[in-house]
Amino acid sequence: MSSPRISRLKLPRPGRLLAAYPHPDDESFACAGLVRRHTEAGYPATLLMGTRGELGRNMGFPPIANRETLPAIREKELAEAARMAGYQEVLFLGGHDRLLEFLPRRPLVTRILQILRAKKPSLILTFHPRFGNHPDHNAMGSLVTEAVLLWEKEGGDPILLYNAGPRRPKDVDLPRLTVNVEAYRDVKKKALQAHLTQTSSWMKDLEADPRERVRWERRLRYERFWVARGPRGWMTSNPPM
């Protein structure tokens, strides 16, 4: 069954945005345009990073890092990308790259819940718990969703969006929101470029492949989400976990 599309989603009140992703650079691919639009409007944004991306495969092209120096370099890259998007702060969950799904769950959910209580975000962005296209992506989405469910029992009432890919898995029956971020295309591109260890090789490949370049130009103009929890509550009786 095809689920409805939402062209515009209004927040019930202006407030803080919380973006929660597992790896440095996820946030730039996923939502740099929407976050910049939010912060330019004068609203605060917090970035919660699940890991420091210490096991990333890329070291830059040409290499500017090694396995020992990569975590610190990626943290610096993240700080620059976050500055471009307008985040007021970057927090770290303390998880381990490629192991997020195997770590003790309760302490991580508790930490996220503490952040929700302290920041009281009106809008939360993360990955779908099952369709994030990477085990760490799925794990982060699952942890955040569980924390939102717990916070809801205490009166929390956020909008929760999951990043959506260009194709819809048949098992996803959530409204889809497409956000035009063309006005922030250059910001998004520069935020991606700030993650030099991870994107320099990819950017070079784009120059050599016109079709791939066209596809990524579209991704710079639009950011797509599934609406898991809207202004009137959950969009499904069984939130994915």
C-alpha atoms as a PDB file:
ATOM      1  CA  MET A   1       0.000   0.000   0.000  1.00  0.00           C
ATOM      2  CA  SER A   2       1.383   3.392  -0.952  1.00  0.00           C
ATOM      3  CA  SER A   3       1.638   5.730   2.001  1.00  0.00           C
ATOM      4  CA  PRO A   4       0.804   9.434   1.742  1.00  0.00           C
ATOM      5  CA  ARG A   5       3.314  12.131   0.941  1.00  0.00           C
ATOM      6  CA  ILE A   6       3.607  15.280   3.006  1.00  0.00           C
ATOM      7  CA  SER A   7       4.772  18.392   1.195  1.00  0.00           C
ATOM      8  CA  ARG A   8       5.017  20.536   4.296  1.00  0.00           C
ATOM      9  CA  LEU A   9       5.174  19.675   7.964  1.00  0.00           C
ATOM     10  CA  LYS A  10       4.694  22.501  10.445  1.00  0.00           C
ATOM     11  CA  LEU A  11       6.125  22.289  13.920  1.00  0.00           C
ATOM     12  CA  PRO A  12       3.453  22.865  16.575  1.00  0.00           C
ATOM     13  CA  ARG A  13       5.875  25.362  18.152  1.00  0.00           C
ATOM     14  CA  PRO A  14       9.370  26.605  17.350  1.00  0.00           C
ATOM     15  CA  GLY A  15      12.025  24.821  19.309  1.00  0.00           C
ATOM     16  CA  ARG A  16      15.239  22.875  19.406  1.00  0.00           C
ATOM     17  CA  LEU A  17      16.223  20.364  16.762  1.00  0.00           C
ATOM     18  CA  LEU A  18      18.111  17.226  17.764  1.00  0.00           C
ATOM     19  CA  ALA A  19      19.929  15.271  15.054  1.00  0.00           C
ATOM     20  CA  ALA A  20      21.136  11.839  16.206  1.00  0.00           C
ATOM     21  CA  TYR A  21      23.449   9.851  13.938  1.00  0.00           C
ATOM     22  CA  PRO A  22      26.122   7.187  14.483  1.00  0.00           C
ATOM     23  CA  HIS A  23      29.071   8.397  12.363  1.00  0.00           C
ATOM     24  CA  PRO A  24      30.674  11.736  11.547  1.00  0.00           C
ATOM     25  CA  ASP A  25      29.478  12.657   8.016  1.00  0.00           C
ATOM     26  CA  ASP A  26      26.080  10.919   8.429  1.00  0.00           C
ATOM     27  CA  GLU A  27      24.652  14.230   9.624  1.00  0.00           C
ATOM     28  CA  SER A  28      25.917  16.092   6.548  1.00  0.00           C
ATOM     29  CA  PHE A  29      24.551  13.570   4.059  1.00  0.00           C
ATOM     30  CA  ALA A  30      21.266  13.231   5.948  1.00  0.00           C
ATOM     31  CA  CYS A  31      20.116  16.673   6.982  1.00  0.00           C
ATOM     32  CA  ALA A  32      22.661  19.506   6.690  1.00  0.00           C
ATOM     33  CA  GLY A  33      20.257  21.574   4.585  1.00  0.00           C
ATOM     34  CA  LEU A  34      17.274  21.215   6.910  1.00  0.00           C
ATOM     35  CA  VAL A  35      19.415  21.924   9.967  1.00  0.00           C
ATOM     36  CA  ARG A  36      20.893  25.065   8.415  1.00  0.00           C
ATOM     37  CA  ARG A  37      17.419  26.278   7.503  1.00  0.00           C
ATOM     38  CA  HIS A  38      16.301  25.664  11.083  1.00  0.00           C
ATOM     39  CA  THR A  39      19.258  27.441  12.675  1.00  0.00           C
ATOM     40  CA  GLU A  40      19.133  30.380  10.253  1.00  0.00           C
ATOM     41  CA  ALA A  41      15.545  30.906  11.397  1.00  0.00           C
ATOM     42  CA  GLY A  42      16.915  31.442  14.896  1.00  0.00           C
ATOM     43  CA  TYR A  43      16.172  28.076  16.482  1.00  0.00           C
ATOM     44  CA  PRO A  44      18.815  26.001  18.293  1.00  0.00           C
ATOM     45  CA  ALA A  45      20.130  22.635  17.138  1.00  0.00           C
ATOM     46  CA  THR A  46      22.044  19.902  18.939  1.00  0.00           C
ATOM     47  CA  LEU A  47      23.964  17.100  17.249  1.00  0.00           C
ATOM     48  CA  LEU A  48      24.266  13.754  19.026  1.00  0.00           C
ATOM     49  CA  MET A  49      26.935  11.488  17.549  1.00  0.00           C
ATOM     50  CA  GLY A  50      26.825   7.789  18.405  1.00  0.00           C
ATOM     51  CA  THR A  51      30.508   7.086  17.671  1.00  0.00           C
ATOM     52  CA  ARG A  52      33.625   8.909  16.527  1.00  0.00           C
ATOM     53  CA  GLY A  53      33.810   6.845  13.348  1.00  0.00           C
ATOM     54  CA  GLU A  54      37.095   5.341  14.482  1.00  0.00           C
ATOM     55  CA  LEU A  55      36.814   2.341  12.157  1.00  0.00           C
ATOM     56  CA  GLY A  56      36.076   4.279   8.991  1.00  0.00           C
ATOM     57  CA  ARG A  57      37.650   2.701   5.918  1.00  0.00           C
ATOM     58  CA  ASN A  58      38.700   5.933   4.243  1.00  0.00           C
ATOM     59  CA  MET A  59      41.773   7.917   5.275  1.00  0.00           C
ATOM     60  CA  GLY A  60      41.548  10.700   2.705  1.00  0.00           C
ATOM     61  CA  PHE A  61      42.715  10.924  -0.897  1.00  0.00           C
ATOM     62  CA  PRO A  62      45.648  11.239  -0.733  1.00  0.00           C
ATOM     63  CA  PRO A  63      45.734   9.769   2.801  1.00  0.00           C
ATOM     64  CA  ILE A  64      45.862  12.315   5.624  1.00  0.00           C
ATOM     65  CA  ALA A  65      45.184   9.884   8.484  1.00  0.00           C
ATOM     66  CA  ASN A  66      46.029   6.427   9.749  1.00  0.00           C
ATOM     67  CA  ARG A  67      44.144   4.063  12.030  1.00  0.00           C
ATOM     68  CA  GLU A  68      45.656   5.698  15.118  1.00  0.00           C
ATOM     69  CA  THR A  69      45.007   9.321  14.156  1.00  0.00           C
ATOM     70  CA  LEU A  70      41.656   8.859  12.397  1.00  0.00           C
ATOM     71  CA  PRO A  71      39.321   9.317  15.421  1.00  0.00           C
ATOM     72  CA  ALA A  72      40.765  12.705  16.387  1.00  0.00           C
ATOM     73  CA  ILE A  73      40.824  13.886  12.781  1.00  0.00           C
ATOM     74  CA  ARG A  74      37.220  12.842  12.207  1.00  0.00           C
ATOM     75  CA  GLU A  75      36.169  14.667  15.361  1.00  0.00           C
ATOM     76  CA  LYS A  76      37.775  17.863  14.034  1.00  0.00           C
ATOM     77  CA  GLU A  77      36.108  17.361  10.663  1.00  0.00           C
ATOM     78  CA  LEU A  78      32.783  16.924  12.425  1.00  0.00           C
ATOM     79  CA  ALA A  79      33.242  20.147  14.386  1.00  0.00           C
ATOM     80  CA  GLU A  80      33.760  22.085  11.155  1.00  0.00           C
ATOM     81  CA  ALA A  81      30.780  20.469   9.396  1.00  0.00           C
ATOM     82  CA  ALA A  82      28.603  21.126  12.460  1.00  0.00           C
ATOM     83  CA  ARG A  83      29.668  24.767  12.481  1.00  0.00           C
ATOM     84  CA  MET A  84      28.606  25.132   8.843  1.00  0.00           C
ATOM     85  CA  ALA A  85      25.173  23.668   9.579  1.00  0.00           C
ATOM     86  CA  GLY A  86      24.753  25.934  12.604  1.00  0.00           C
ATOM     87  CA  TYR A  87      24.673  23.437  15.469  1.00  0.00           C
ATOM     88  CA  GLN A  88      25.160  25.047  18.875  1.00  0.00           C
ATOM     89  CA  GLU A  89      26.693  21.915  20.346  1.00  0.00           C
ATOM     90  CA  VAL A  90      27.937  18.440  19.492  1.00  0.00           C
ATOM     91  CA  LEU A  91      27.460  15.626  22.015  1.00  0.00           C
ATOM     92  CA  PHE A  92      28.897  12.113  21.897  1.00  0.00           C
ATOM     93  CA  LEU A  93      27.045   9.004  23.009  1.00  0.00           C
ATOM     94  CA  GLY A  94      30.272   7.057  23.540  1.00  0.00           C
ATOM     95  CA  GLY A  95      29.492   4.061  21.337  1.00  0.00           C
ATOM     96  CA  HIS A  96      31.997   2.085  19.300  1.00  0.00           C
ATOM     97  CA  ASP A  97      32.056   2.225  15.520  1.00  0.00           C
ATOM     98  CA  ARG A  98      30.573  -0.885  13.820  1.00  0.00           C
ATOM     99  CA  LEU A  99      29.597  -2.279  17.238  1.00  0.00           C
ATOM    100  CA  LEU A 100      26.672  -0.061  18.210  1.00  0.00           C
ATOM    101  CA  GLU A 101      24.122  -2.862  17.895  1.00  0.00           C
ATOM    102  CA  PHE A 102      26.144  -5.137  20.207  1.00  0.00           C
ATOM    103  CA  LEU A 103      26.738  -2.709  23.080  1.00  0.00           C
ATOM    104  CA  PRO A 104      24.636  -2.873  26.285  1.00  0.00           C
ATOM    105  CA  ARG A 105      21.418  -1.166  25.297  1.00  0.00           C
ATOM    106  CA  ARG A 106      20.085   0.216  28.563  1.00  0.00           C
ATOM    107  CA  PRO A 107      22.952   2.671  29.299  1.00  0.00           C
ATOM    108  CA  LEU A 108      22.752   4.090  25.780  1.00  0.00           C
ATOM    109  CA  VAL A 109      18.972   4.539  25.874  1.00  0.00           C
ATOM    110  CA  THR A 110      19.248   6.095  29.333  1.00  0.00           C
ATOM    111  CA  ARG A 111      21.848   8.573  28.084  1.00  0.00           C
ATOM    112  CA  ILE A 112      19.673   9.564  25.122  1.00  0.00           C
ATOM    113  CA  LEU A 113      16.672   9.943  27.422  1.00  0.00           C
ATOM    114  CA  GLN A 114      18.707  12.247  29.662  1.00  0.00           C
ATOM    115  CA  ILE A 115      19.544  14.377  26.634  1.00  0.00           C
ATOM    116  CA  LEU A 116      15.881  14.521  25.607  1.00  0.00           C
ATOM    117  CA  ARG A 117      14.908  15.644  29.087  1.00  0.00           C
ATOM    118  CA  ALA A 118      17.592  18.310  29.156  1.00  0.00           C
ATOM    119  CA  LYS A 119      17.209  19.673  25.611  1.00  0.00           C
ATOM    120  CA  LYS A 120      13.464  19.121  25.082  1.00  0.00           C
ATOM    121  CA  PRO A 121      13.695  19.020  21.278  1.00  0.00           C
ATOM    122  CA  SER A 122      10.617  19.720  19.189  1.00  0.00           C
ATOM    123  CA  LEU A 123      12.100  17.942  16.172  1.00  0.00           C
ATOM    124  CA  ILE A 124      14.305  14.832  16.156  1.00  0.00           C
ATOM    125  CA  LEU A 125      16.108  13.456  13.100  1.00  0.00           C
ATOM    126  CA  THR A 126      17.679   9.992  12.919  1.00  0.00           C
ATOM    127  CA  PHE A 127      17.736   6.789  10.866  1.00  0.00           C
ATOM    128  CA  HIS A 128      14.954   4.223  10.547  1.00  0.00           C
ATOM    129  CA  PRO A 129      15.546   1.373  13.038  1.00  0.00           C
ATOM    130  CA  ARG A 130      15.394  -1.257  10.285  1.00  0.00           C
ATOM    131  CA  PHE A 131      16.029   0.508   6.992  1.00  0.00           C
ATOM    132  CA  GLY A 132      19.052   2.686   7.651  1.00  0.00           C
ATOM    133  CA  ASN A 133      21.218   0.659   5.219  1.00  0.00           C
ATOM    134  CA  HIS A 134      23.939   0.039   7.822  1.00  0.00           C
ATOM    135  CA  PRO A 135      23.866  -1.855  11.154  1.00  0.00           C
ATOM    136  CA  ASP A 136      25.051   1.200  13.109  1.00  0.00           C
ATOM    137  CA  HIS A 137      22.421   3.361  11.392  1.00  0.00           C
ATOM    138  CA  ASN A 138      19.687   0.925  12.365  1.00  0.00           C
ATOM    139  CA  ALA A 139      21.001   0.656  15.912  1.00  0.00           C
ATOM    140  CA  MET A 140      21.071   4.426  16.390  1.00  0.00           C
ATOM    141  CA  GLY A 141      17.534   4.780  15.073  1.00  0.00           C
ATOM    142  CA  SER A 142      16.343   2.026  17.387  1.00  0.00           C
ATOM    143  CA  LEU A 143      18.005   3.558  20.450  1.00  0.00           C
ATOM    144  CA  VAL A 144      16.560   6.985  19.712  1.00  0.00           C
ATOM    145  CA  THR A 145      13.078   5.581  19.077  1.00  0.00           C
ATOM    146  CA  GLU A 146      13.078   3.729  22.393  1.00  0.00           C
ATOM    147  CA  ALA A 147      14.224   6.860  24.209  1.00  0.00           C
ATOM    148  CA  VAL A 148      11.454   8.893  22.546  1.00  0.00           C
ATOM    149  CA  LEU A 149       8.860   6.331  23.645  1.00  0.00           C
ATOM    150  CA  LEU A 150      10.107   6.637  27.226  1.00  0.00           C
ATOM    151  CA  TRP A 151      10.213  10.424  27.088  1.00  0.00           C
ATOM    152  CA  GLU A 152       6.668  10.474  25.704  1.00  0.00           C
ATOM    153  CA  LYS A 153       5.477   8.841  28.943  1.00  0.00           C
ATOM    154  CA  GLU A 154       6.953  11.831  30.797  1.00  0.00           C
ATOM    155  CA  GLY A 155       5.194  14.355  28.578  1.00  0.00           C
ATOM    156  CA  GLY A 156       7.670  14.638  25.697  1.00  0.00           C
ATOM    157  CA  ASP A 157       5.944  15.449  22.422  1.00  0.00           C
ATOM    158  CA  PRO A 158       8.484  15.706  19.569  1.00  0.00           C
ATOM    159  CA  ILE A 159       8.185  15.232  15.856  1.00  0.00           C
ATOM    160  CA  LEU A 160      10.397  12.282  14.893  1.00  0.00           C
ATOM    161  CA  LEU A 161      11.696  11.920  11.336  1.00  0.00           C
ATOM    162  CA  TYR A 162      13.632   9.001   9.887  1.00  0.00           C
ATOM    163  CA  ASN A 163      15.888   9.587   6.913  1.00  0.00           C
ATOM    164  CA  ALA A 164      14.440   7.998   3.784  1.00  0.00           C
ATOM    165  CA  GLY A 165      16.314   6.654   0.795  1.00  0.00           C
ATOM    166  CA  PRO A 166      15.181   7.112  -2.816  1.00  0.00           C
ATOM    167  CA  ARG A 167      13.368   3.758  -2.712  1.00  0.00           C
ATOM    168  CA  ARG A 168      10.707   2.740  -0.245  1.00  0.00           C
ATOM    169  CA  PRO A 169      10.926  -0.739   1.317  1.00  0.00           C
ATOM    170  CA  LYS A 170       7.560  -2.477   1.165  1.00  0.00           C
ATOM    171  CA  ASP A 171       7.533  -2.815   4.950  1.00  0.00           C
ATOM    172  CA  VAL A 172       7.621   0.961   5.518  1.00  0.00           C
ATOM    173  CA  ASP A 173       4.135   2.444   5.689  1.00  0.00           C
ATOM    174  CA  LEU A 174       4.937   5.919   6.980  1.00  0.00           C
ATOM    175  CA  PRO A 175       4.163   9.280   5.387  1.00  0.00           C
ATOM    176  CA  ARG A 176       7.074  10.612   3.385  1.00  0.00           C
ATOM    177  CA  LEU A 177       8.311  14.188   3.678  1.00  0.00           C
ATOM    178  CA  THR A 178      10.501  15.773   1.010  1.00  0.00           C
ATOM    179  CA  VAL A 179      12.282  18.974   2.020  1.00  0.00           C
ATOM    180  CA  ASN A 180      13.601  21.305  -0.665  1.00  0.00           C
ATOM    181  CA  VAL A 181      16.994  22.521   0.578  1.00  0.00           C
ATOM    182  CA  GLU A 182      18.261  23.948  -2.704  1.00  0.00           C
ATOM    183  CA  ALA A 183      18.851  27.304  -1.005  1.00  0.00           C
ATOM    184  CA  TYR A 184      21.363  25.509   1.231  1.00  0.00           C
ATOM    185  CA  ARG A 185      22.971  23.396  -1.474  1.00  0.00           C
ATOM    186  CA  ASP A 186      26.375  25.043  -1.089  1.00  0.00           C
ATOM    187  CA  VAL A 187      26.247  24.726   2.697  1.00  0.00           C
ATOM    188  CA  LYS A 188      25.477  21.025   2.421  1.00  0.00           C
ATOM    189  CA  LYS A 189      28.251  20.486  -0.110  1.00  0.00           C
ATOM    190  CA  LYS A 190      30.803  22.321   2.046  1.00  0.00           C
ATOM    191  CA  ALA A 191      29.700  20.382   5.127  1.00  0.00           C
ATOM    192  CA  LEU A 192      30.320  17.160   3.219  1.00  0.00           C
ATOM    193  CA  GLN A 193      33.692  18.407   2.028  1.00  0.00           C
ATOM    194  CA  ALA A 194      34.644  19.175   5.628  1.00  0.00           C
ATOM    195  CA  HIS A 195      34.727  15.408   6.190  1.00  0.00           C
ATOM    196  CA  LEU A 196      37.867  15.262   4.089  1.00  0.00           C
ATOM    197  CA  THR A 197      38.975  11.773   5.104  1.00  0.00           C
ATOM    198  CA  GLN A 198      35.631  10.310   4.075  1.00  0.00           C
ATOM    199  CA  THR A 199      34.563  12.344   1.043  1.00  0.00           C
ATOM    200  CA  SER A 200      37.703  13.387  -0.867  1.00  0.00           C
ATOM    201  CA  SER A 201      37.872  10.134  -2.840  1.00  0.00           C
ATOM    202  CA  TRP A 202      34.114  10.160  -3.402  1.00  0.00           C
ATOM    203  CA  MET A 203      34.199  13.755  -4.662  1.00  0.00           C
ATOM    204  CA  LYS A 204      36.951  12.833  -7.121  1.00  0.00           C
ATOM    205  CA  ASP A 205      34.894   9.897  -8.406  1.00  0.00           C
ATOM    206  CA  LEU A 206      31.948  12.250  -9.008  1.00  0.00           C
ATOM    207  CA  GLU A 207      34.080  14.351 -11.330  1.00  0.00           C
ATOM    208  CA  ALA A 208      34.694  11.293 -13.516  1.00  0.00           C
ATOM    209  CA  ASP A 209      31.102  10.007 -13.611  1.00  0.00           C
ATOM    210  CA  PRO A 210      28.516  12.470 -15.013  1.00  0.00           C
ATOM    211  CA  ARG A 211      25.531  10.250 -14.232  1.00  0.00           C
ATOM    212  CA  GLU A 212      26.603   9.811 -10.627  1.00  0.00           C
ATOM    213  CA  ARG A 213      27.183  13.543 -10.373  1.00  0.00           C
ATOM    214  CA  VAL A 214      23.624  14.244 -11.525  1.00  0.00           C
ATOM    215  CA  ARG A 215      22.265  11.831  -8.928  1.00  0.00           C
ATOM    216  CA  TRP A 216      24.189  13.521  -6.141  1.00  0.00           C
ATOM    217  CA  GLU A 217      23.168  16.962  -7.309  1.00  0.00           C
ATOM    218  CA  ARG A 218      19.588  15.859  -6.612  1.00  0.00           C
ATOM    219  CA  ARG A 219      20.598  14.768  -3.127  1.00  0.00           C
ATOM    220  CA  LEU A 220      22.067  18.208  -2.533  1.00  0.00           C
ATOM    221  CA  ARG A 221      18.716  19.790  -3.406  1.00  0.00           C
ATOM    222  CA  TYR A 222      16.328  17.515  -1.532  1.00  0.00           C
ATOM    223  CA  GLU A 223      16.337  15.759   1.834  1.00  0.00           C
ATOM    224  CA  ARG A 224      13.801  12.992   2.320  1.00  0.00           C
ATOM    225  CA  PHE A 225      12.314  11.635   5.516  1.00  0.00           C
ATOM    226  CA  TRP A 226       9.685   9.256   6.815  1.00  0.00           C
ATOM    227  CA  VAL A 227       7.433  10.796   9.449  1.00  0.00           C
ATOM    228  CA  ALA A 228       7.453   8.387  12.396  1.00  0.00           C
ATOM    229  CA  ARG A 229       5.854  10.736  14.894  1.00  0.00           C
ATOM    230  CA  GLY A 230       3.995  13.864  13.849  1.00  0.00           C
ATOM    231  CA  PRO A 231       2.254  16.724  15.659  1.00  0.00           C
ATOM    232  CA  ARG A 232      -0.595  14.367  16.582  1.00  0.00           C
ATOM    233  CA  GLY A 233       1.508  11.451  17.735  1.00  0.00           C
ATOM    234  CA  TRP A 234       2.820   8.252  16.176  1.00  0.00           C
ATOM    235  CA  MET A 235       1.962   7.480  12.572  1.00  0.00           C
ATOM    236  CA  THR A 236       1.721   3.769  13.326  1.00  0.00           C
ATOM    237  CA  SER A 237       0.368   1.787  16.261  1.00  0.00           C
ATOM    238  CA  ASN A 238       3.649  -0.157  16.428  1.00  0.00           C
ATOM    239  CA  PRO A 239       6.656   2.174  16.208  1.00  0.00           C
ATOM    240  CA  PRO A 240       9.619   0.309  14.666  1.00  0.00           C
ATOM    241  CA  MET A 241      12.319  -0.755  17.098  1.00  0.00           C
END
